[in-house]
């Protein structure tokens, strides 16, 4: 019985030993398997690193932009052929040299600041962009735009930065030429503007002076001819009286032309007073005056309501006086005469105002003559006038920064279209 009790522990120890043995085998297998996986992972990582480095070196080697890898002291670890071409040296020779030695200025020099004196650009990643004067072997100094970016960690030979170098000499020269040309053009434009302004002022002063100086002899002609007609009219035969009448009419006509010249001169000499103008109401007032002055002519007049513009009220009144007055005059003799003032949107998003009539019209081939002073397309006997009205209209529109054009057909009427840009007034 004692022997049976002593054999039991021996069996348990055998089981325990067997279990330990199996565990050791399992652990050894797991370690061997883990080691094999680690070797494979290390080999794959090594291969990936090798391929990544190969791609980087290939991209750097074949890049058209100069590139250099720098260490912590700013020395060149590696340079690509493009950088060698920009500097004019063998890339291999530059290895170990300080990168700043490639330039004629220092990084603290004001010339190192960005293009045209602007500060260098820095972003949150530490990338810097600036321009420096580059020393090229065997040639004149050139300008290079640098893009300096940090390389995180310590890779290879303590690599800490990558810099890209672009030769921007020709671009800067072209920009300098453009700026110089712009300054020259601005000076020429300013000079021509002054000359034109001076010429216009001289012409206006001349027209104003001549208009006043002509009044004295015209008054003398009118006074003496009137006295001659009153005192010696009976002594003249019919031919003499006809000549005298024609002299007085010509003097009166000359006086009217002088008044028209003065009126057109005031259009360009007066200062613009911009305000909000109700064009519809102003046109209605003009129409009332036209009806009162000519009772026998009753054209149908249509005025679009709510036409609001910004401009000089006095000049705009002059504009409507001339446009509506012309339409009133050239629709005489038509029983179905009609005149319309309205507005239409343009393709450019502006508002184009128009005055349209179905009167005598004009040949479209002669439209350029309409806005010239003293140019008339109808005879004085048929439609009297001075040839100043439309020239004044054109000047008024252009003084407001707008444009005007005309459409017409002979015997079918005319349409005058004009644009008055927003003057930006508070009214």
Protein backbone atom coordinates (compact mmCIF):
# COMPACT_ATOMS: atom_id res chain seq x y z
CA UNK A 1 0.00 0.00 0.00
CA UNK A 2 2.88 2.30 0.65
CA UNK A 3 4.30 1.47 -2.77
CA UNK A 4 1.10 2.53 -4.46
CA UNK A 5 1.15 5.89 -2.66
CA UNK A 6 4.78 6.50 -3.70
CA UNK A 7 4.15 5.86 -7.44
CA UNK A 8 1.52 8.62 -7.83
CA UNK A 9 3.86 11.62 -7.54
CA UNK A 10 6.10 10.11 -10.15
CA UNK A 11 3.29 10.13 -12.73
CA UNK A 12 2.38 13.73 -12.02
CA UNK A 13 5.97 14.88 -12.44
CA UNK A 14 6.12 13.10 -15.78
CA UNK A 15 3.01 15.01 -16.93
CA UNK A 16 4.44 18.29 -15.73
CA UNK A 17 7.72 17.68 -17.46
CA UNK A 18 5.91 16.81 -20.65
CA UNK A 19 3.87 20.00 -20.48
CA UNK A 20 6.98 22.12 -19.93
CA UNK A 21 8.64 20.44 -22.85
CA UNK A 22 5.71 21.14 -25.14
CA UNK A 23 5.60 24.74 -23.97
CA UNK A 24 9.29 25.18 -24.64
CA UNK A 25 8.84 23.77 -28.11
CA UNK A 26 5.87 26.09 -28.77
CA UNK A 27 7.75 29.12 -27.48
CA UNK A 28 10.78 28.23 -29.57
CA UNK A 29 8.58 27.84 -32.66
CA UNK A 30 6.83 31.14 -32.00
CA UNK A 31 10.15 32.89 -31.50
CA UNK A 32 11.50 31.39 -34.68
CA UNK A 33 8.33 32.35 -36.57
CA UNK A 34 8.41 35.88 -35.14
CA UNK A 35 12.07 36.22 -36.03
CA UNK A 36 11.34 35.05 -39.58
CA UNK A 37 8.51 37.58 -39.86
CA UNK A 38 10.78 40.29 -38.46
CA UNK A 39 13.43 39.43 -41.01
CA UNK A 40 10.86 39.57 -43.82
CA UNK A 41 9.47 42.87 -42.53
CA UNK A 42 12.96 44.31 -42.20
CA UNK A 43 13.83 43.14 -45.68
CA UNK A 44 10.63 44.65 -47.09
CA UNK A 45 11.22 47.93 -45.26
CA UNK A 46 14.79 47.97 -46.47
CA UNK A 47 13.60 47.37 -50.04
CA UNK A 48 10.91 50.05 -49.72
CA UNK A 49 13.50 52.48 -48.36
CA UNK A 50 15.87 51.57 -51.17
CA UNK A 51 13.16 52.10 -53.78
CA UNK A 52 12.05 55.38 -52.15
CA UNK A 53 15.62 56.62 -52.10
CA UNK A 54 16.06 55.50 -55.71
CA UNK A 55 12.90 57.38 -56.75
CA UNK A 56 14.06 60.47 -54.87
CA UNK A 57 17.50 60.37 -56.45
CA UNK A 58 16.02 59.75 -59.91
CA UNK A 59 13.57 62.63 -59.51
CA UNK A 60 16.35 64.86 -58.25
CA UNK A 61 18.79 63.79 -60.98
CA UNK A 62 16.38 64.33 -63.89
CA UNK A 63 14.63 67.41 -62.50
CA UNK A 64 14.87 70.56 -64.63
CA UNK A 65 14.97 72.59 -61.41
CA UNK A 66 18.26 72.90 -59.58
CA UNK A 67 18.23 71.00 -56.29
CA UNK A 68 20.69 70.51 -53.43
CA UNK A 69 20.53 68.44 -50.23
CA UNK A 70 22.06 70.28 -47.27
CA UNK A 71 23.37 69.15 -43.89
CA UNK A 72 22.86 70.90 -40.55
CA UNK A 73 25.74 73.29 -41.27
CA UNK A 74 24.34 74.32 -44.65
CA UNK A 75 26.90 72.35 -46.64
CA UNK A 76 25.98 70.59 -49.87
CA UNK A 77 25.55 66.84 -49.45
CA UNK A 78 24.36 66.26 -52.98
CA UNK A 79 23.55 68.47 -56.01
CA UNK A 80 21.75 67.56 -59.20
CA UNK A 81 22.92 68.32 -62.78
CA UNK A 82 20.36 71.13 -63.17
CA UNK A 83 21.98 73.04 -60.29
CA UNK A 84 25.38 72.45 -61.87
CA UNK A 85 24.08 73.92 -65.12
CA UNK A 86 22.73 77.00 -63.32
CA UNK A 87 25.97 77.57 -61.39
CA UNK A 88 28.24 76.52 -64.23
CA UNK A 89 30.10 73.88 -62.22
CA UNK A 90 30.28 70.09 -61.87
CA UNK A 91 27.74 68.98 -59.23
CA UNK A 92 30.24 66.54 -57.71
CA UNK A 93 32.76 69.32 -57.11
CA UNK A 94 30.19 71.30 -55.10
CA UNK A 95 29.71 68.51 -52.54
CA UNK A 96 31.04 69.64 -49.16
CA UNK A 97 30.97 73.34 -50.01
CA UNK A 98 28.81 75.75 -48.07
CA UNK A 99 25.64 76.52 -50.01
CA UNK A 100 25.87 80.28 -49.27
CA UNK A 101 29.25 80.40 -51.06
CA UNK A 102 27.37 80.05 -54.36
CA UNK A 103 25.95 83.55 -53.96
CA UNK A 104 27.37 87.07 -54.10
CA UNK A 105 25.14 88.46 -51.38
CA UNK A 106 24.59 87.40 -47.80
CA UNK A 107 21.36 86.05 -46.48
CA UNK A 108 21.01 89.10 -44.23
CA UNK A 109 21.55 91.46 -47.16
CA UNK A 110 18.40 93.47 -48.08
CA UNK A 111 18.89 92.18 -51.62
CA UNK A 112 18.08 88.70 -50.31
CA UNK A 113 14.53 89.83 -49.67
CA UNK A 114 11.88 88.66 -52.08
CA UNK A 115 11.30 89.86 -55.63
CA UNK A 116 11.18 93.66 -55.93
CA UNK A 117 11.98 94.12 -52.24
CA UNK A 118 9.09 92.09 -50.85
CA UNK A 119 9.86 90.06 -47.72
CA UNK A 120 10.66 86.39 -48.10
CA UNK A 121 7.71 84.06 -47.69
CA UNK A 122 7.56 81.60 -44.79
CA UNK A 123 4.76 79.14 -44.22
CA UNK A 124 3.83 77.08 -41.18
CA UNK A 125 5.97 74.17 -42.39
CA UNK A 126 9.12 76.29 -42.36
CA UNK A 127 9.39 76.63 -46.15
CA UNK A 128 11.16 79.83 -47.20
CA UNK A 129 11.08 81.46 -50.63
CA UNK A 130 13.39 84.32 -51.55
CA UNK A 131 15.66 85.62 -54.30
CA UNK A 132 19.46 86.00 -54.21
CA UNK A 133 22.24 87.05 -56.58
CA UNK A 134 23.93 83.95 -57.89
CA UNK A 135 27.63 83.80 -58.85
CA UNK A 136 28.01 81.91 -62.11
CA UNK A 137 31.43 80.65 -63.09
CA UNK A 138 32.72 82.46 -66.20
CA UNK A 139 29.66 84.67 -66.56
CA UNK A 140 27.78 87.65 -65.22
CA UNK A 141 25.89 87.41 -61.92
CA UNK A 142 22.39 86.07 -62.17
CA UNK A 143 19.36 85.94 -59.91
CA UNK A 144 18.04 82.72 -58.45
CA UNK A 145 14.78 82.09 -56.66
CA UNK A 146 15.27 79.70 -53.75
CA UNK A 147 12.73 77.43 -52.09
CA UNK A 148 14.25 76.10 -48.88
CA UNK A 149 12.36 73.32 -47.08
CA UNK A 150 13.45 71.39 -43.98
CA UNK A 151 13.89 67.60 -43.97
CA UNK A 152 12.64 66.14 -40.67
CA UNK A 153 14.82 63.67 -38.74
CA UNK A 154 18.40 62.66 -39.43
CA UNK A 155 18.73 60.87 -42.74
CA UNK A 156 22.07 59.69 -44.10
CA UNK A 157 24.79 62.30 -43.58
CA UNK A 158 22.84 64.45 -41.18
CA UNK A 159 20.61 65.76 -43.97
CA UNK A 160 18.43 68.61 -42.67
CA UNK A 161 17.25 70.57 -45.70
CA UNK A 162 16.40 70.51 -49.39
CA UNK A 163 16.71 73.66 -51.49
CA UNK A 164 15.40 74.23 -55.02
CA UNK A 165 17.13 76.80 -57.20
CA UNK A 166 15.50 78.44 -60.25
CA UNK A 167 17.30 80.89 -62.51
CA UNK A 168 14.88 83.83 -62.75
CA UNK A 169 17.28 86.34 -64.28
CA UNK A 170 15.47 86.63 -67.59
CA UNK A 171 12.09 86.81 -65.88
CA UNK A 172 13.26 89.64 -63.61
CA UNK A 173 14.78 91.45 -66.57
CA UNK A 174 11.53 91.08 -68.51
CA UNK A 175 9.57 92.36 -65.51
CA UNK A 176 11.96 95.29 -65.17
CA UNK A 177 11.51 96.10 -68.87
CA UNK A 178 7.73 95.89 -68.49
CA UNK A 179 7.80 98.17 -65.43
CA UNK A 180 10.06 100.63 -67.24
CA UNK A 181 7.79 100.54 -70.29
CA UNK A 182 4.74 101.08 -68.09
CA UNK A 183 6.37 104.05 -66.44
CA UNK A 184 7.29 105.43 -69.85
CA UNK A 185 3.77 104.89 -71.16
CA UNK A 186 2.27 106.47 -68.05
CA UNK A 187 4.53 109.48 -68.50
CA UNK A 188 3.59 109.72 -72.18
CA UNK A 189 -0.11 109.38 -71.42
CA UNK A 190 0.15 112.03 -68.70
CA UNK A 191 2.01 114.33 -71.08
CA UNK A 192 -0.48 113.75 -73.92
CA UNK A 193 -3.35 114.27 -71.49
CA UNK A 194 -1.90 117.57 -70.35
CA UNK A 195 -1.31 118.63 -73.96
CA UNK A 196 -4.84 117.62 -74.96
CA UNK A 197 -6.36 119.33 -71.94
CA UNK A 198 -4.37 122.46 -72.67
CA UNK A 199 -5.37 122.35 -76.35
CA UNK A 200 -9.03 121.92 -75.42
CA UNK A 201 -8.84 124.82 -73.00
CA UNK A 202 -7.20 126.99 -75.63
CA UNK A 203 -9.82 126.03 -78.21
CA UNK A 204 -12.64 126.71 -75.78
CA UNK A 205 -11.12 130.03 -74.80
CA UNK A 206 -10.65 130.86 -78.48
CA UNK A 207 -14.24 129.96 -79.33
CA UNK A 208 -15.53 131.94 -76.36
CA UNK A 209 -13.36 134.95 -77.24
CA UNK A 210 -14.23 134.86 -80.93
CA UNK A 211 -17.91 134.53 -80.13
CA UNK A 212 -17.79 137.64 -77.98
CA UNK A 213 -15.56 139.57 -80.37
CA UNK A 214 -17.88 138.86 -83.31
CA UNK A 215 -20.88 140.32 -81.54
CA UNK A 216 -19.68 143.93 -81.88
CA UNK A 217 -19.41 143.96 -85.71
CA UNK A 218 -22.66 141.97 -85.96
CA UNK A 219 -24.45 144.56 -83.84
CA UNK A 220 -23.03 147.26 -86.11
CA UNK A 221 -24.19 145.43 -89.25
CA UNK A 222 -27.64 144.86 -87.78
CA UNK A 223 -27.95 148.46 -86.51
CA UNK A 224 -26.78 150.16 -89.69
CA UNK A 225 -28.83 147.89 -91.94
CA UNK A 226 -31.94 148.54 -89.86
CA UNK A 227 -31.29 152.29 -90.00
CA UNK A 228 -30.70 152.06 -93.73
CA UNK A 229 -33.99 150.24 -94.20
CA UNK A 230 -35.89 152.73 -92.05
CA UNK A 231 -34.44 155.95 -93.46
CA UNK A 232 -33.56 155.13 -97.03
CA UNK A 233 -35.76 152.15 -97.78
CA UNK A 234 -37.97 154.21 -100.12
CA UNK A 235 -34.95 155.27 -102.14
CA UNK A 236 -33.98 151.67 -102.88
CA UNK A 237 -35.48 149.65 -105.65
CA UNK A 238 -36.78 146.14 -105.11
CA UNK A 239 -33.38 144.56 -105.74
CA UNK A 240 -31.72 146.87 -103.22
CA UNK A 241 -34.36 146.15 -100.60
CA UNK A 242 -33.92 142.41 -101.26
CA UNK A 243 -30.16 142.69 -100.75
CA UNK A 244 -30.68 144.64 -97.55
CA UNK A 245 -33.13 142.03 -96.25
CA UNK A 246 -30.65 139.25 -97.03
CA UNK A 247 -27.88 141.14 -95.19
CA UNK A 248 -30.05 141.46 -92.09
CA UNK A 249 -31.04 137.77 -92.21
CA UNK A 250 -27.41 136.75 -92.59
CA UNK A 251 -26.47 138.91 -89.59
CA UNK A 252 -29.28 137.36 -87.55
CA UNK A 253 -28.18 133.90 -88.61
CA UNK A 254 -24.62 134.69 -87.56
CA UNK A 255 -25.86 135.86 -84.17
CA UNK A 256 -27.73 132.60 -83.67
CA UNK A 257 -24.60 130.61 -84.56
CA UNK A 258 -22.59 132.60 -82.01
CA UNK A 259 -25.21 131.86 -79.34
CA UNK A 260 -25.00 128.17 -80.27
CA UNK A 261 -21.20 128.23 -80.02
CA UNK A 262 -21.37 129.81 -76.58
CA UNK A 263 -23.91 127.25 -75.47
CA UNK A 264 -21.71 124.36 -76.63
CA UNK A 265 -18.69 125.98 -74.98
CA UNK A 266 -20.54 126.12 -71.67
CA UNK A 267 -21.27 122.38 -71.97
CA UNK A 268 -17.56 121.56 -71.75
CA UNK A 269 -16.52 124.38 -69.38
CA UNK A 270 -19.09 123.94 -66.63
CA UNK A 271 -18.33 121.76 -63.61
CA UNK A 272 -20.39 118.59 -63.22
CA UNK A 273 -22.80 118.60 -60.27
CA UNK A 274 -23.87 114.98 -59.89
CA UNK A 275 -27.30 114.29 -58.41
CA UNK A 276 -30.25 111.96 -58.83
CA UNK A 277 -32.35 113.09 -61.80
CA UNK A 278 -35.87 112.01 -62.74
CA UNK A 279 -35.43 111.78 -66.51
CA UNK A 280 -39.13 111.02 -67.07
CA UNK A 281 -40.34 114.14 -65.28
CA UNK A 282 -37.68 116.28 -66.98
CA UNK A 283 -38.78 114.97 -70.40
CA UNK A 284 -42.39 115.80 -69.58
CA UNK A 285 -41.40 119.41 -68.76
CA UNK A 286 -39.49 119.67 -72.04
CA UNK A 287 -42.51 118.32 -73.94
CA UNK A 288 -44.80 120.93 -72.33
CA UNK A 289 -42.51 123.72 -73.50
CA UNK A 290 -42.39 122.28 -77.01
CA UNK A 291 -46.19 122.05 -77.17
CA UNK A 292 -46.54 125.62 -75.92
CA UNK A 293 -44.10 126.91 -78.54
CA UNK A 294 -45.67 125.07 -81.46
CA UNK A 295 -49.47 124.81 -81.27
CA UNK A 296 -49.92 123.43 -84.79
CA UNK A 297 -47.81 120.29 -84.23
CA UNK A 298 -49.19 117.54 -81.99
CA UNK A 299 -47.06 114.38 -82.11
CA UNK A 300 -48.03 111.46 -79.89
CA UNK A 301 -45.45 111.43 -77.10
CA UNK A 302 -44.73 108.35 -74.96
CA UNK A 303 -42.43 108.70 -71.94
CA UNK A 304 -41.50 105.61 -69.95
CA UNK A 305 -42.13 106.23 -66.23
CA UNK A 306 -39.50 105.98 -63.51
CA UNK A 307 -36.39 106.70 -65.58
CA UNK A 308 -33.86 107.62 -62.89
CA UNK A 309 -30.27 108.56 -63.72
CA UNK A 310 -27.31 110.15 -61.95
CA UNK A 311 -25.79 113.20 -63.58
CA UNK A 312 -25.71 116.94 -63.93
CA UNK A 313 -29.32 118.14 -64.07
CA UNK A 314 -28.58 121.22 -66.20
CA UNK A 315 -26.62 119.25 -68.79
CA UNK A 316 -29.20 116.45 -68.88
CA UNK A 317 -31.90 119.06 -69.45
CA UNK A 318 -29.82 120.36 -72.38
CA UNK A 319 -29.55 116.80 -73.70
CA UNK A 320 -33.32 116.26 -73.62
CA UNK A 321 -33.97 119.71 -75.07
CA UNK A 322 -31.88 118.79 -78.11
CA UNK A 323 -33.00 115.17 -78.59
CA UNK A 324 -36.72 115.78 -78.04
CA UNK A 325 -36.50 119.11 -79.90
CA UNK A 326 -34.97 117.35 -82.90
CA UNK A 327 -37.63 114.64 -82.82
CA UNK A 328 -40.32 117.34 -82.58
CA UNK A 329 -38.82 119.25 -85.51
CA UNK A 330 -38.26 116.30 -87.83
CA UNK A 331 -41.76 114.87 -87.34
CA UNK A 332 -43.44 118.02 -88.66
CA UNK A 333 -45.82 117.33 -91.52
CA UNK A 334 -46.65 113.76 -90.41
CA UNK A 335 -50.22 113.21 -89.30
CA UNK A 336 -49.25 110.05 -87.40
CA UNK A 337 -46.15 111.60 -85.83
CA UNK A 338 -44.99 109.83 -82.69
CA UNK A 339 -42.04 110.26 -80.33
CA UNK A 340 -40.92 107.85 -77.60
CA UNK A 341 -38.48 108.09 -74.68
CA UNK A 342 -37.61 104.77 -73.04
CA UNK A 343 -34.90 102.47 -71.78
CA UNK A 344 -33.70 98.95 -72.54
CA UNK A 345 -31.10 96.68 -70.89
CA UNK A 346 -27.94 95.92 -72.82
CA UNK A 347 -26.01 92.65 -73.09
CA UNK A 348 -23.35 94.15 -70.77
CA UNK A 349 -25.93 94.69 -68.01
CA UNK A 350 -26.20 98.46 -68.49
CA UNK A 351 -29.30 100.55 -69.17
CA UNK A 352 -29.51 102.15 -72.60
CA UNK A 353 -31.90 105.09 -72.96
CA UNK A 354 -33.38 106.00 -76.32
CA UNK A 355 -35.37 108.73 -78.08
CA UNK A 356 -37.21 107.36 -81.11
CA UNK A 357 -39.35 109.12 -83.74
CA UNK A 358 -40.95 108.31 -87.08
CA UNK A 359 -39.95 111.56 -88.75
CA UNK A 360 -37.72 112.46 -91.68
CA UNK A 361 -34.89 110.19 -90.59
CA UNK A 362 -31.48 110.19 -92.26
CA UNK A 363 -29.31 107.91 -94.42
CA UNK A 364 -27.35 105.57 -92.15
CA UNK A 365 -24.26 106.06 -94.32
CA UNK A 366 -23.98 109.63 -93.01
CA UNK A 367 -24.43 108.80 -89.31
CA UNK A 368 -20.86 109.92 -88.48
CA UNK A 369 -21.67 113.48 -89.52
CA UNK A 370 -24.57 113.84 -87.09
CA UNK A 371 -22.48 114.57 -84.02
CA UNK A 372 -20.03 116.99 -85.68
CA UNK A 373 -20.58 120.73 -85.15
CA UNK A 374 -22.27 122.53 -88.05
CA UNK A 375 -22.82 119.27 -89.98
CA UNK A 376 -26.36 119.07 -91.34
CA UNK A 377 -28.11 116.38 -93.38
CA UNK A 378 -31.17 118.48 -94.27
CA UNK A 379 -31.54 121.86 -95.91
CA UNK A 380 -32.05 125.00 -93.84
CA UNK A 381 -35.32 125.77 -95.66
CA UNK A 382 -36.75 122.33 -94.90
CA UNK A 383 -35.61 122.00 -91.28
CA UNK A 384 -33.95 125.12 -89.85
CA UNK A 385 -31.18 124.71 -87.28
CA UNK A 386 -27.57 125.43 -86.40
CA UNK A 387 -25.97 121.98 -86.49
CA UNK A 388 -24.85 122.34 -82.87
CA UNK A 389 -27.50 120.40 -80.94
CA UNK A 390 -26.32 116.83 -81.51
CA UNK A 391 -22.67 117.85 -81.06
CA UNK A 392 -23.65 119.22 -77.65
CA UNK A 393 -25.54 116.01 -76.85
CA UNK A 394 -22.46 113.91 -77.63
CA UNK A 395 -20.27 116.08 -75.40
CA UNK A 396 -22.78 115.88 -72.55
CA UNK A 397 -22.96 112.09 -72.72
CA UNK A 398 -19.19 111.72 -72.92
CA UNK A 399 -18.67 114.11 -70.00
CA UNK A 400 -20.77 111.68 -67.95
CA UNK A 401 -18.55 108.80 -69.11
CA UNK A 402 -21.19 107.38 -71.43
CA UNK A 403 -21.64 106.76 -75.13
CA UNK A 404 -24.21 107.59 -77.78
CA UNK A 405 -25.12 106.15 -81.14
CA UNK A 406 -27.78 106.78 -83.77
CA UNK A 407 -29.88 104.64 -86.10
CA UNK A 408 -32.00 105.95 -88.92
CA UNK A 409 -33.60 105.38 -92.29
CA UNK A 410 -34.51 108.18 -94.62
CA UNK A 411 -38.24 108.93 -94.47
CA UNK A 412 -38.82 106.36 -91.67
CA UNK A 413 -37.47 108.05 -88.56
CA UNK A 414 -34.46 108.00 -86.27
CA UNK A 415 -33.44 106.52 -82.92
CA UNK A 416 -30.78 107.96 -80.64
CA UNK A 417 -29.46 105.58 -77.97
CA UNK A 418 -27.22 106.65 -75.10
CA UNK A 419 -25.75 105.12 -71.94
CA UNK A 420 -25.20 107.11 -68.75
CA UNK A 421 -23.05 105.11 -66.30
CA UNK A 422 -23.69 105.22 -62.56
CA UNK A 423 -21.74 108.19 -61.22
CA UNK A 424 -21.65 106.83 -57.67
CA UNK A 425 -23.41 109.78 -56.07
CA UNK A 426 -25.28 109.57 -52.83
CA UNK A 427 -28.31 111.24 -54.26
